Amino acid sequence: MCFGHSDALLVGLYDLIAGATSSVDVNLLQPAPDARFLAALRAAFGALARSGRPVSIRILLGQFPTGLVDTGDFLAKVSAEVKDVPAAHIRISMAAMQSCSSFEDCDSFSWNHSKIVSVDGREALVGGHNLWSQDYLIGDPVSDLSMRISGPADSPLVFVIGIFT
């Protein structure tokens, strides 16, 4: 049940992922999605597992140099509903990346900062929202802009389905 001021973002995220037929790519900035965003991802992945469709899910988390991401822990949390579905054809892989670590001599630090959820190369949720519940769903939310777009990835014509602020 979603009743909060920004819950349309949760519903849009769930609906987009749960409708996948072959692939889901999720690119985010650390820390990993938490609380209600984690629950939305877990529920969407569970819905995919129960659908019986063979879907490949790839998660890439941009890790800034002073931070560490426990990919194994997050992968276990986000896939909790998938493992309980005997006929699931879901494959989930995850990585955290950065150009170099704080222990190396680097000319500059760089990491993935994109926020993209792409489904089947036909729809995507793109924009500025990190999937951090405290910042976006509680009290005084951060103002950010994301939109759900639809259309072939190789086409110059893209349709805006919804904008989340």
Protein backbone atom coordinates (compact mmCIF):
# COMPACT_ATOMS: atom_id res chain seq x y z
CA MET A 1 0.00 0.00 0.00
CA CYS A 2 1.36 3.39 -1.00
CA PHE A 3 -0.07 6.52 0.58
CA GLY A 4 2.87 8.91 0.89
CA HIS A 5 3.63 12.13 -0.96
CA SER A 6 6.15 10.51 -3.33
CA ASP A 7 4.86 6.97 -3.56
CA ALA A 8 4.04 7.33 -7.26
CA LEU A 9 7.77 6.82 -7.81
CA LEU A 10 7.63 3.47 -5.96
CA VAL A 11 4.58 2.34 -7.91
CA GLY A 12 6.15 3.40 -11.22
CA LEU A 13 9.37 1.57 -10.37
CA TYR A 14 7.49 -1.61 -9.43
CA ASP A 15 5.19 -1.53 -12.47
CA LEU A 16 8.05 -0.94 -14.88
CA ILE A 17 10.17 -3.82 -13.57
CA ALA A 18 7.31 -6.27 -13.02
CA GLY A 19 6.31 -5.83 -16.69
CA ALA A 20 9.69 -6.95 -18.05
CA THR A 21 9.72 -9.78 -20.58
CA SER A 22 13.46 -10.35 -21.04
CA SER A 23 15.77 -7.85 -19.33
CA VAL A 24 16.05 -5.30 -16.56
CA ASP A 25 19.08 -3.05 -16.12
CA VAL A 26 19.35 -0.94 -12.97
CA ASN A 27 22.09 1.70 -12.65
CA LEU A 28 22.30 3.57 -9.34
CA LEU A 29 24.57 5.49 -7.01
CA GLN A 30 25.55 4.06 -3.63
CA PRO A 31 24.36 3.46 -1.03
CA ALA A 32 22.19 0.59 -2.24
CA PRO A 33 18.41 1.10 -2.26
CA ASP A 34 16.96 0.82 1.23
CA ALA A 35 13.71 0.33 3.11
CA ARG A 36 10.74 1.00 0.83
CA PHE A 37 12.76 1.20 -2.39
CA LEU A 38 14.39 -2.13 -1.53
CA ALA A 39 10.92 -3.55 -0.85
CA ALA A 40 9.63 -2.29 -4.23
CA LEU A 41 12.58 -3.88 -6.07
CA ARG A 42 12.24 -7.14 -4.11
CA ALA A 43 8.49 -7.30 -4.82
CA ALA A 44 8.98 -6.55 -8.53
CA PHE A 45 11.67 -9.22 -8.85
CA GLY A 46 9.37 -11.64 -7.00
CA ALA A 47 6.53 -10.84 -9.41
CA LEU A 48 8.85 -11.57 -12.33
CA ALA A 49 9.87 -14.88 -10.76
CA ARG A 50 6.23 -15.90 -10.29
CA SER A 51 5.43 -14.93 -13.91
CA GLY A 52 7.68 -17.71 -15.20
CA ARG A 53 9.23 -15.39 -17.78
CA PRO A 54 12.99 -15.78 -18.29
CA VAL A 55 14.35 -12.38 -17.29
CA SER A 56 17.94 -11.30 -16.83
CA ILE A 57 18.41 -8.57 -14.20
CA ARG A 58 21.67 -6.62 -13.98
CA ILE A 59 22.35 -4.11 -11.21
CA LEU A 60 25.28 -1.68 -11.36
CA LEU A 61 25.93 0.50 -8.33
CA GLY A 62 28.30 3.45 -8.63
CA GLN A 63 30.63 3.37 -5.66
CA PHE A 64 32.45 6.53 -4.67
CA PRO A 65 36.07 6.12 -3.54
CA THR A 66 35.53 6.44 0.19
CA GLY A 67 32.55 4.11 0.28
CA LEU A 68 32.16 0.37 0.08
CA VAL A 69 29.14 -1.58 -1.09
CA ASP A 70 28.45 -5.09 0.18
CA THR A 71 27.10 -6.45 -3.10
CA GLY A 72 26.53 -9.93 -1.67
CA ASP A 73 24.39 -8.60 1.15
CA PHE A 74 22.33 -6.37 -1.15
CA LEU A 75 21.91 -9.15 -3.72
CA ALA A 76 20.62 -11.48 -0.97
CA LYS A 77 18.14 -8.84 0.23
CA VAL A 78 16.84 -7.85 -3.20
CA SER A 79 16.43 -11.45 -4.39
CA ALA A 80 14.73 -12.76 -1.24
CA GLU A 81 11.37 -13.35 -2.96
CA VAL A 82 12.94 -14.93 -6.05
CA LYS A 83 14.63 -17.80 -4.23
CA ASP A 84 11.29 -19.03 -2.87
CA VAL A 85 9.75 -19.49 -6.34
CA PRO A 86 10.54 -23.00 -7.58
CA ALA A 87 9.83 -22.32 -11.27
CA ALA A 88 11.66 -18.99 -11.39
CA HIS A 89 13.66 -18.24 -14.52
CA ILE A 90 15.22 -15.08 -13.12
CA ARG A 91 18.95 -14.42 -13.17
CA ILE A 92 20.16 -11.49 -11.07
CA SER A 93 23.72 -10.20 -11.20
CA MET A 94 25.19 -7.22 -9.43
CA ALA A 95 28.38 -5.19 -9.41
CA ALA A 96 29.67 -2.06 -7.72
CA MET A 97 32.25 -0.04 -9.62
CA GLN A 98 34.51 2.98 -9.58
CA SER A 99 37.47 4.05 -11.67
CA CYS A 100 39.96 3.66 -8.84
CA SER A 101 40.00 3.30 -5.09
CA SER A 102 41.15 5.71 -2.42
CA PHE A 103 44.14 3.41 -1.85
CA GLU A 104 45.52 3.99 -5.37
CA ASP A 105 47.31 6.99 -6.82
CA CYS A 106 44.64 8.40 -9.14
CA ASP A 107 44.59 11.55 -11.21
CA SER A 108 40.87 11.83 -10.58
CA PHE A 109 38.11 9.86 -8.97
CA SER A 110 35.16 8.75 -11.04
CA TRP A 111 32.17 6.48 -10.56
CA ASN A 112 28.84 5.68 -12.16
CA HIS A 113 26.38 8.37 -11.14
CA SER A 114 23.49 7.44 -13.44
CA LYS A 115 20.04 6.59 -12.22
CA ILE A 116 18.44 4.41 -14.88
CA VAL A 117 16.03 1.50 -14.75
CA SER A 118 15.75 0.11 -18.28
CA VAL A 119 13.36 -2.67 -19.25
CA ASP A 120 13.59 -4.73 -22.44
CA GLY A 121 15.22 -1.85 -24.34
CA ARG A 122 11.76 -0.31 -24.71
CA GLU A 123 11.01 1.57 -21.48
CA ALA A 124 13.09 3.30 -18.84
CA LEU A 125 12.87 5.35 -15.69
CA VAL A 126 15.65 7.95 -15.93
CA GLY A 127 16.57 11.04 -13.97
CA GLY A 128 17.98 12.16 -10.68
CA HIS A 129 16.25 10.04 -8.03
CA ASN A 130 18.47 7.89 -5.89
CA LEU A 131 16.52 5.00 -4.37
CA TRP A 132 17.02 6.19 -0.81
CA SER A 133 13.84 6.15 1.27
CA GLN A 134 14.98 8.66 3.89
CA ASP A 135 15.80 11.31 1.26
CA TYR A 136 12.79 10.87 -1.02
CA LEU A 137 9.88 9.33 0.89
CA ILE A 138 10.04 10.73 4.44
CA GLY A 139 9.41 14.19 5.87
CA ASP A 140 10.91 16.90 3.69
CA PRO A 141 11.84 15.06 0.48
CA VAL A 142 14.70 16.04 -1.77
CA SER A 143 13.43 17.66 -4.96
CA ASP A 144 14.53 15.67 -7.98
CA LEU A 145 13.19 14.99 -11.43
CA SER A 146 12.84 11.61 -13.12
CA MET A 147 10.70 10.47 -15.98
CA ARG A 148 9.46 7.23 -17.44
CA ILE A 149 10.06 7.04 -21.16
CA SER A 150 8.97 4.55 -23.80
CA GLY A 151 10.15 3.74 -27.29
CA PRO A 152 12.86 1.71 -28.98
CA ALA A 153 16.31 2.52 -27.66
CA ASP A 154 17.64 2.97 -31.21
CA SER A 155 14.90 5.40 -32.22
CA PRO A 156 15.11 9.20 -32.03
CA LEU A 157 11.42 9.22 -31.05
CA VAL A 158 10.76 8.62 -27.37
CA PHE A 159 7.47 9.03 -25.55
CA VAL A 160 7.31 10.48 -22.06
CA ILE A 161 4.88 8.44 -19.98
CA GLY A 162 5.19 10.15 -16.59
CA ILE A 163 7.29 12.63 -14.69
CA PHE A 164 8.06 12.16 -11.00
CA THR A 165 9.17 15.12 -8.88
